Protein backbone atom coordinates (compact mmCIF):
# COMPACT_ATOMS: atom_id res chain seq x y z
CA UNK A 1 0.00 0.00 0.00
CA UNK A 2 1.29 3.46 -0.84
CA UNK A 3 0.30 6.85 0.58
CA UNK A 4 -2.37 7.43 -2.09
CA UNK A 5 -3.92 4.06 -1.27
CA UNK A 6 -3.94 4.85 2.45
CA UNK A 7 -5.57 8.25 1.90
CA UNK A 8 -8.11 6.68 -0.47
CA UNK A 9 -8.92 4.05 2.16
CA UNK A 10 -9.68 6.83 4.64
CA UNK A 11 -11.83 8.67 2.10
CA UNK A 12 -13.69 5.47 1.23
CA UNK A 13 -14.32 4.73 4.92
CA UNK A 14 -15.75 8.18 5.50
CA UNK A 15 -17.93 7.75 2.40
CA UNK A 16 -19.31 4.50 3.82
CA UNK A 17 -20.18 6.29 7.09
CA UNK A 18 -21.81 9.21 5.23
CA UNK A 19 -23.95 6.84 3.16
CA UNK A 20 -24.95 4.73 6.17
CA UNK A 21 -25.78 7.65 8.45
CA UNK A 22 -27.76 9.52 5.83
CA UNK A 23 -29.33 6.54 4.08
CA UNK A 24 -32.66 6.46 5.91
CA UNK A 25 -32.96 10.18 6.68
CA UNK A 26 -35.30 12.45 4.74
CA UNK A 27 -35.05 16.14 3.88
CA UNK A 28 -36.78 17.18 7.10
CA UNK A 29 -34.44 15.06 9.20
CA UNK A 30 -31.49 17.03 7.79
CA UNK A 31 -32.82 20.13 9.57
CA UNK A 32 -32.90 18.59 13.06
CA UNK A 33 -30.33 19.97 15.48
CA UNK A 34 -28.81 17.64 18.10
CA UNK A 35 -29.31 20.37 20.72
CA UNK A 36 -30.07 24.08 20.39
CA UNK A 37 -27.16 26.10 19.06
CA UNK A 38 -25.56 23.22 17.15
CA UNK A 39 -25.57 22.74 13.40
CA UNK A 40 -28.05 20.57 11.53
CA UNK A 41 -26.97 18.08 8.89
CA UNK A 42 -28.12 20.18 5.92
CA UNK A 43 -25.80 23.02 6.86
CA UNK A 44 -22.99 20.60 7.74
CA UNK A 45 -23.24 18.86 4.37
CA UNK A 46 -23.01 22.16 2.54
CA UNK A 47 -20.07 23.19 4.70
CA UNK A 48 -18.29 19.88 4.07
CA UNK A 49 -18.90 19.95 0.31
CA UNK A 50 -17.75 23.57 0.02
CA UNK A 51 -14.69 22.83 2.18
CA UNK A 52 -13.64 19.83 0.11
CA UNK A 53 -14.02 21.84 -3.08
CA UNK A 54 -12.00 24.71 -1.62
CA UNK A 55 -9.16 22.59 -0.22
CA UNK A 56 -8.57 20.43 -3.27
CA UNK A 57 -9.03 23.29 -5.73
CA UNK A 58 -6.47 25.35 -3.79
CA UNK A 59 -3.83 22.61 -3.84
CA UNK A 60 -4.53 21.48 -7.43
CA UNK A 61 -6.14 24.37 -9.34
CA UNK A 62 -8.65 23.32 -11.98
CA UNK A 63 -9.22 19.90 -10.44
CA UNK A 64 -12.65 20.33 -8.91
CA UNK A 65 -16.06 20.78 -10.54
CA UNK A 66 -17.64 24.14 -9.87
CA UNK A 67 -20.28 24.30 -7.17
CA UNK A 68 -23.57 26.07 -7.87
CA UNK A 69 -23.29 29.86 -7.73
CA UNK A 70 -23.39 31.10 -4.14
CA UNK A 71 -23.18 27.59 -2.66
CA UNK A 72 -20.35 28.34 -0.22
CA UNK A 73 -22.09 31.55 0.90
CA UNK A 74 -25.25 29.56 1.60
CA UNK A 75 -23.24 27.44 4.04
CA UNK A 76 -21.18 29.96 5.98
CA UNK A 77 -21.18 30.63 9.72
CA UNK A 78 -24.07 33.09 9.52
CA UNK A 79 -26.34 30.67 7.66
CA UNK A 80 -25.68 27.91 10.19
CA UNK A 81 -28.39 29.48 12.35
CA UNK A 82 -31.09 29.16 9.69
CA UNK A 83 -33.76 26.47 10.02
CA UNK A 84 -35.92 27.09 6.96
CA UNK A 85 -35.87 24.27 4.40
CA UNK A 86 -35.89 26.92 1.66
CA UNK A 87 -32.44 28.08 2.78
CA UNK A 88 -30.93 24.66 2.07
CA UNK A 89 -30.87 21.95 -0.58
CA UNK A 90 -32.57 18.59 -0.53
CA UNK A 91 -30.78 15.47 0.60
CA UNK A 92 -30.63 14.26 -3.01
CA UNK A 93 -29.06 17.55 -4.14
CA UNK A 94 -26.45 17.44 -1.38
CA UNK A 95 -25.58 13.82 -2.10
CA UNK A 96 -25.21 14.53 -5.82
CA UNK A 97 -22.81 17.41 -5.13
CA UNK A 98 -20.96 15.33 -2.56
CA UNK A 99 -20.51 12.48 -5.04
CA UNK A 100 -19.24 14.86 -7.74
CA UNK A 101 -16.76 16.52 -5.41
CA UNK A 102 -15.54 13.26 -3.90
CA UNK A 103 -15.07 11.70 -7.36
CA UNK A 104 -12.95 14.69 -8.38
CA UNK A 105 -10.96 14.48 -5.13
CA UNK A 106 -10.22 10.80 -5.73
CA UNK A 107 -9.29 11.40 -9.38
CA UNK A 108 -6.98 14.22 -8.35
CA UNK A 109 -5.44 12.14 -5.56
CA UNK A 110 -4.71 9.32 -8.01
CA UNK A 111 -2.61 11.69 -10.12
CA UNK A 112 -0.41 12.84 -7.23
CA UNK A 113 3.11 11.53 -6.81
CA UNK A 114 4.69 10.95 -3.42
CA UNK A 115 6.68 14.15 -3.99
CA UNK A 116 3.44 16.04 -4.70
CA UNK A 117 1.88 14.80 -1.47
CA UNK A 118 4.99 15.81 0.49
CA UNK A 119 4.85 19.42 -0.72
CA UNK A 120 3.93 22.18 1.71
CA UNK A 121 0.27 23.18 1.61
CA UNK A 122 -0.88 26.67 0.69
CA UNK A 123 -0.05 29.17 3.43
CA UNK A 124 -3.67 29.49 4.58
CA UNK A 125 -3.82 25.76 5.40
CA UNK A 126 -0.51 25.56 7.30
CA UNK A 127 -2.20 26.16 10.64
CA UNK A 128 -3.70 22.67 10.56
CA UNK A 129 -1.92 20.77 7.77
CA UNK A 130 1.75 20.14 7.10
CA UNK A 131 1.57 18.79 3.56
CA UNK A 132 -0.58 18.44 0.47
CA UNK A 133 -1.12 14.83 1.57
CA UNK A 134 -2.59 16.13 4.83
CA UNK A 135 -5.02 18.28 2.82
CA UNK A 136 -6.28 15.19 1.00
CA UNK A 137 -6.44 13.13 4.19
CA UNK A 138 -8.35 15.87 5.98
CA UNK A 139 -11.30 15.40 3.63
CA UNK A 140 -12.17 12.03 5.11
CA UNK A 141 -11.53 13.00 8.72
CA UNK A 142 -13.53 16.23 8.34
CA UNK A 143 -16.62 14.22 7.41
CA UNK A 144 -15.97 11.84 10.29
CA UNK A 145 -15.80 14.74 12.77
CA UNK A 146 -19.25 15.88 11.69
CA UNK A 147 -20.64 12.35 11.53
CA UNK A 148 -20.34 12.21 15.31
CA UNK A 149 -23.08 14.83 15.47
CA UNK A 150 -25.12 12.90 12.91
CA UNK A 151 -25.06 9.87 15.19
CA UNK A 152 -26.66 11.98 17.93
CA UNK A 153 -29.29 13.33 15.53
CA UNK A 154 -30.07 9.77 14.42
CA UNK A 155 -30.67 8.75 18.05
CA UNK A 156 -32.79 11.86 18.63
CA UNK A 157 -34.91 10.79 15.65
CA UNK A 158 -35.34 7.31 17.15
CA UNK A 159 -32.98 5.53 14.77
CA UNK A 160 -30.95 2.60 16.04
CA UNK A 161 -27.17 2.98 16.38
CA UNK A 162 -25.30 2.06 13.22
CA UNK A 163 -22.31 0.64 15.05
């Protein structure tokens, strides 16, 4: 196994968790907050999709498909407080965008050499990553961080634990 394979394994594992945790939820469920003041899944999905697009596009310009106009702005800190379904996309729309972005991330990762992955990240990412490889790896772990909240929402909705 090489570094690209290990990063892909992490991305694939996070994809499995995303699909399992969201599989039986509907559009309304995506707007449930675990507790007041926390973010619902709809906002988190938009944040995650926009973040993945931003990170990978910054390290490999031209590699990511464009998001819909204004997508990142619809999922910023200020919009995290919104609860109206009209402010967010449907589950199907989020999952389509997620799949497109993740496919581009994986295709871009496959083209990286070990030397590429060892390069320093863009300056703005150096606070929490040390290499381009870290930027790719972060995509899987970022989803996993948020999935912990999704597990709580699932229990709040009466769903059985997945694991």
